[in-house]
N, C-alpha and C. Protein backbone atom coordinates (compact mmCIF):
# COMPACT_ATOMS: atom_id res chain seq x y z
N ALA A 1 -53.78 -49.68 153.22
CA ALA A 1 -53.43 -49.54 151.82
C ALA A 1 -53.38 -48.07 151.42
N GLY A 2 -54.29 -47.25 151.96
CA GLY A 2 -54.30 -45.83 151.61
C GLY A 2 -53.05 -45.11 152.05
N THR A 3 -52.52 -45.46 153.22
CA THR A 3 -51.31 -44.82 153.72
C THR A 3 -50.11 -45.19 152.86
N ALA A 4 -50.00 -46.45 152.51
CA ALA A 4 -48.86 -46.90 151.69
C ALA A 4 -48.86 -46.22 150.33
N LEU A 5 -50.04 -45.99 149.77
CA LEU A 5 -50.14 -45.36 148.45
C LEU A 5 -50.27 -43.84 148.53
N GLU A 6 -50.33 -43.34 149.74
CA GLU A 6 -50.56 -41.91 149.98
C GLU A 6 -51.80 -41.43 149.22
N ALA A 7 -52.87 -42.21 149.35
CA ALA A 7 -54.15 -41.90 148.70
C ALA A 7 -55.28 -42.24 149.66
N CYS A 8 -56.41 -41.67 149.43
CA CYS A 8 -57.58 -41.92 150.27
C CYS A 8 -58.50 -42.94 149.59
N PRO A 9 -58.68 -44.11 150.19
CA PRO A 9 -59.54 -45.14 149.60
C PRO A 9 -60.98 -44.67 149.39
N TYR A 10 -61.49 -43.83 150.28
CA TYR A 10 -62.86 -43.34 150.13
C TYR A 10 -63.02 -42.55 148.84
N TYR A 11 -62.12 -41.59 148.60
CA TYR A 11 -62.23 -40.77 147.39
C TYR A 11 -61.94 -41.59 146.14
N ALA A 12 -61.07 -42.55 146.23
CA ALA A 12 -60.80 -43.42 145.08
C ALA A 12 -62.05 -44.22 144.73
N ALA A 13 -62.69 -44.80 145.73
CA ALA A 13 -63.92 -45.57 145.49
C ALA A 13 -65.02 -44.67 144.96
N ARG A 14 -65.13 -43.47 145.49
CA ARG A 14 -66.15 -42.53 145.04
C ARG A 14 -65.94 -42.16 143.56
N ASP A 15 -64.72 -41.98 143.16
CA ASP A 15 -64.43 -41.63 141.77
C ASP A 15 -64.61 -42.82 140.82
N LEU A 16 -64.40 -44.03 141.33
CA LEU A 16 -64.52 -45.21 140.49
C LEU A 16 -65.96 -45.71 140.34
N VAL A 17 -66.87 -45.18 141.12
CA VAL A 17 -68.26 -45.65 141.08
C VAL A 17 -68.89 -45.44 139.70
N VAL A 18 -68.41 -44.47 138.95
CA VAL A 18 -69.01 -44.18 137.64
C VAL A 18 -68.74 -45.30 136.62
N CYS A 19 -67.76 -46.13 136.86
CA CYS A 19 -67.50 -47.23 135.92
C CYS A 19 -67.76 -48.60 136.56
N ALA A 20 -68.37 -48.62 137.72
CA ALA A 20 -68.62 -49.88 138.42
C ALA A 20 -69.84 -50.60 137.85
N GLU A 21 -69.77 -51.91 137.81
CA GLU A 21 -70.91 -52.72 137.41
C GLU A 21 -71.70 -53.20 138.63
N LEU A 22 -71.06 -53.22 139.78
CA LEU A 22 -71.69 -53.65 141.02
C LEU A 22 -71.24 -52.70 142.12
N ILE A 23 -72.21 -52.17 142.86
CA ILE A 23 -71.91 -51.27 143.98
C ILE A 23 -72.56 -51.87 145.22
N VAL A 24 -71.77 -52.07 146.25
CA VAL A 24 -72.28 -52.55 147.53
C VAL A 24 -72.13 -51.42 148.52
N CYS A 25 -73.25 -51.00 149.10
CA CYS A 25 -73.21 -49.87 150.02
C CYS A 25 -74.40 -49.92 150.97
N SER A 26 -74.36 -49.08 151.95
CA SER A 26 -75.50 -48.93 152.86
C SER A 26 -76.67 -48.33 152.09
N TYR A 27 -77.89 -48.69 152.44
CA TYR A 27 -79.03 -48.16 151.71
C TYR A 27 -79.18 -46.65 151.86
N ALA A 28 -78.55 -46.07 152.86
CA ALA A 28 -78.58 -44.60 153.00
C ALA A 28 -77.92 -43.93 151.79
N TYR A 29 -76.94 -44.60 151.20
CA TYR A 29 -76.26 -44.05 150.02
C TYR A 29 -77.21 -43.97 148.83
N VAL A 30 -78.22 -44.79 148.81
CA VAL A 30 -79.18 -44.81 147.70
C VAL A 30 -80.39 -43.94 148.01
N LEU A 31 -80.85 -43.95 149.25
CA LEU A 31 -82.10 -43.29 149.59
C LEU A 31 -81.97 -41.81 149.94
N ASP A 32 -80.87 -41.42 150.54
CA ASP A 32 -80.70 -40.02 150.94
C ASP A 32 -80.15 -39.22 149.76
N PRO A 33 -80.91 -38.23 149.28
CA PRO A 33 -80.48 -37.49 148.09
C PRO A 33 -79.13 -36.79 148.24
N MET A 34 -78.84 -36.28 149.41
CA MET A 34 -77.56 -35.59 149.61
C MET A 34 -76.39 -36.57 149.56
N ILE A 35 -76.54 -37.70 150.22
CA ILE A 35 -75.48 -38.72 150.21
C ILE A 35 -75.33 -39.28 148.80
N ARG A 36 -76.47 -39.54 148.15
CA ARG A 36 -76.45 -40.08 146.79
C ARG A 36 -75.69 -39.16 145.84
N HIS A 37 -75.91 -37.86 145.98
CA HIS A 37 -75.21 -36.90 145.13
C HIS A 37 -73.71 -36.84 145.45
N GLU A 38 -73.39 -36.74 146.72
CA GLU A 38 -71.98 -36.61 147.12
C GLU A 38 -71.14 -37.83 146.78
N THR A 39 -71.75 -39.00 146.78
CA THR A 39 -71.01 -40.22 146.48
C THR A 39 -71.05 -40.57 145.00
N LYS A 40 -71.72 -39.75 144.20
CA LYS A 40 -71.81 -39.91 142.74
C LYS A 40 -72.56 -41.18 142.33
N ILE A 41 -73.37 -41.72 143.24
CA ILE A 41 -74.11 -42.94 142.93
C ILE A 41 -75.35 -42.64 142.08
N GLU A 42 -75.91 -41.44 142.20
CA GLU A 42 -77.17 -41.14 141.53
C GLU A 42 -77.12 -41.38 140.03
N GLY A 43 -76.00 -41.13 139.39
CA GLY A 43 -75.88 -41.35 137.96
C GLY A 43 -75.87 -42.82 137.57
N GLN A 44 -75.58 -43.67 138.51
CA GLN A 44 -75.49 -45.11 138.25
C GLN A 44 -76.81 -45.83 138.47
N LEU A 45 -77.83 -45.14 138.95
CA LEU A 45 -79.07 -45.81 139.34
C LEU A 45 -80.11 -45.92 138.23
N LYS A 46 -79.88 -45.28 137.10
CA LYS A 46 -80.91 -45.20 136.05
C LYS A 46 -81.47 -46.57 135.67
N ASP A 47 -80.66 -47.50 135.29
CA ASP A 47 -81.13 -48.83 134.88
C ASP A 47 -80.67 -49.91 135.85
N ALA A 48 -80.42 -49.52 137.07
CA ALA A 48 -79.86 -50.45 138.06
C ALA A 48 -80.94 -51.29 138.73
N VAL A 49 -80.55 -52.45 139.16
CA VAL A 49 -81.36 -53.28 140.04
C VAL A 49 -80.83 -53.02 141.44
N VAL A 50 -81.70 -52.57 142.33
CA VAL A 50 -81.29 -52.24 143.69
C VAL A 50 -81.85 -53.29 144.64
N VAL A 51 -80.98 -53.90 145.42
CA VAL A 51 -81.38 -54.90 146.41
C VAL A 51 -81.11 -54.29 147.78
N LEU A 52 -82.15 -54.23 148.61
CA LEU A 52 -82.01 -53.65 149.95
C LEU A 52 -82.00 -54.78 150.98
N ASP A 53 -80.94 -54.85 151.72
CA ASP A 53 -80.81 -55.83 152.79
C ASP A 53 -81.05 -55.11 154.11
N GLU A 54 -81.60 -55.83 155.07
CA GLU A 54 -81.86 -55.24 156.38
C GLU A 54 -82.75 -54.01 156.26
N ALA A 55 -83.81 -54.12 155.51
CA ALA A 55 -84.67 -52.98 155.23
C ALA A 55 -85.81 -52.81 156.24
N HIS A 56 -85.70 -53.40 157.39
CA HIS A 56 -86.78 -53.34 158.38
C HIS A 56 -87.05 -51.92 158.90
N ASN A 57 -86.08 -51.02 158.80
CA ASN A 57 -86.31 -49.64 159.26
C ASN A 57 -86.20 -48.64 158.12
N ILE A 58 -86.45 -49.10 156.92
CA ILE A 58 -86.27 -48.24 155.75
C ILE A 58 -87.27 -47.09 155.71
N ASP A 59 -88.46 -47.30 156.24
CA ASP A 59 -89.44 -46.21 156.26
C ASP A 59 -88.94 -45.02 157.07
N GLN A 60 -88.27 -45.28 158.18
CA GLN A 60 -87.72 -44.19 158.99
C GLN A 60 -86.57 -43.50 158.27
N VAL A 61 -85.76 -44.25 157.57
CA VAL A 61 -84.65 -43.67 156.80
C VAL A 61 -85.19 -42.75 155.72
N CYS A 62 -86.24 -43.15 155.05
CA CYS A 62 -86.86 -42.30 154.02
C CYS A 62 -87.43 -41.03 154.63
N ARG A 63 -88.10 -41.15 155.77
CA ARG A 63 -88.63 -39.96 156.44
C ARG A 63 -87.49 -39.02 156.84
N ASP A 64 -86.42 -39.58 157.39
CA ASP A 64 -85.29 -38.76 157.80
C ASP A 64 -84.65 -38.04 156.61
N ALA A 65 -84.58 -38.70 155.47
CA ALA A 65 -83.97 -38.10 154.29
C ALA A 65 -84.82 -36.95 153.74
N ALA A 66 -86.13 -36.99 153.99
CA ALA A 66 -87.02 -35.96 153.45
C ALA A 66 -87.42 -34.93 154.50
N THR A 67 -86.78 -34.94 155.65
CA THR A 67 -87.14 -34.05 156.75
C THR A 67 -86.01 -33.06 157.00
N PHE A 68 -86.37 -31.86 157.39
CA PHE A 68 -85.37 -30.89 157.79
C PHE A 68 -85.87 -30.16 159.02
N GLU A 69 -84.97 -29.53 159.72
CA GLU A 69 -85.32 -28.75 160.89
C GLU A 69 -84.93 -27.30 160.65
N ALA A 70 -85.79 -26.40 161.08
CA ALA A 70 -85.50 -24.97 160.97
C ALA A 70 -86.01 -24.28 162.23
N GLU A 71 -85.27 -23.29 162.68
CA GLU A 71 -85.71 -22.54 163.84
C GLU A 71 -86.86 -21.62 163.45
N TYR A 72 -87.77 -21.43 164.37
CA TYR A 72 -88.94 -20.59 164.13
C TYR A 72 -88.53 -19.18 163.71
N LYS A 73 -87.49 -18.63 164.35
CA LYS A 73 -87.02 -17.29 164.00
C LYS A 73 -86.58 -17.21 162.54
N LEU A 74 -85.91 -18.25 162.06
CA LEU A 74 -85.46 -18.27 160.68
C LEU A 74 -86.65 -18.31 159.72
N LEU A 75 -87.68 -19.08 160.07
CA LEU A 75 -88.88 -19.13 159.23
C LEU A 75 -89.57 -17.78 159.17
N LEU A 76 -89.67 -17.09 160.30
CA LEU A 76 -90.28 -15.77 160.31
C LEU A 76 -89.47 -14.78 159.48
N LYS A 77 -88.17 -14.82 159.61
CA LYS A 77 -87.30 -13.94 158.84
C LYS A 77 -87.48 -14.17 157.34
N THR A 78 -87.50 -15.44 156.95
CA THR A 78 -87.69 -15.80 155.54
C THR A 78 -89.04 -15.32 155.04
N GLN A 79 -90.06 -15.46 155.86
CA GLN A 79 -91.40 -15.01 155.47
C GLN A 79 -91.42 -13.50 155.27
N ARG A 80 -90.78 -12.76 156.18
CA ARG A 80 -90.73 -11.29 156.05
C ARG A 80 -89.98 -10.88 154.78
N GLU A 81 -88.91 -11.59 154.46
CA GLU A 81 -88.13 -11.27 153.26
C GLU A 81 -88.96 -11.53 152.00
N ASP A 82 -89.74 -12.61 152.01
CA ASP A 82 -90.57 -12.94 150.85
C ASP A 82 -91.69 -11.93 150.66
N LEU A 83 -92.20 -11.38 151.76
CA LEU A 83 -93.29 -10.39 151.67
C LEU A 83 -92.76 -9.01 151.29
N GLY A 84 -91.45 -8.84 151.38
CA GLY A 84 -90.83 -7.59 150.95
C GLY A 84 -90.88 -6.59 152.01
């Protein structure tokens, strides 16, 4: 359908989420702050009822969303910059 209309279904769905009454998506779209922001879902969650299906590994998804990796050299450089 996207090729026939010369449009991208992903971007169309992302733009239409602001007026949707029902959103069906992977729980990563709700739990990961970066994905939530990029897909514009965060504004729709204020009074929403969220149903999580297949949530058996949701604890790991939450940990992954709140975790980052940094090289030791970068941390030392940042520390030196903060100390002036």
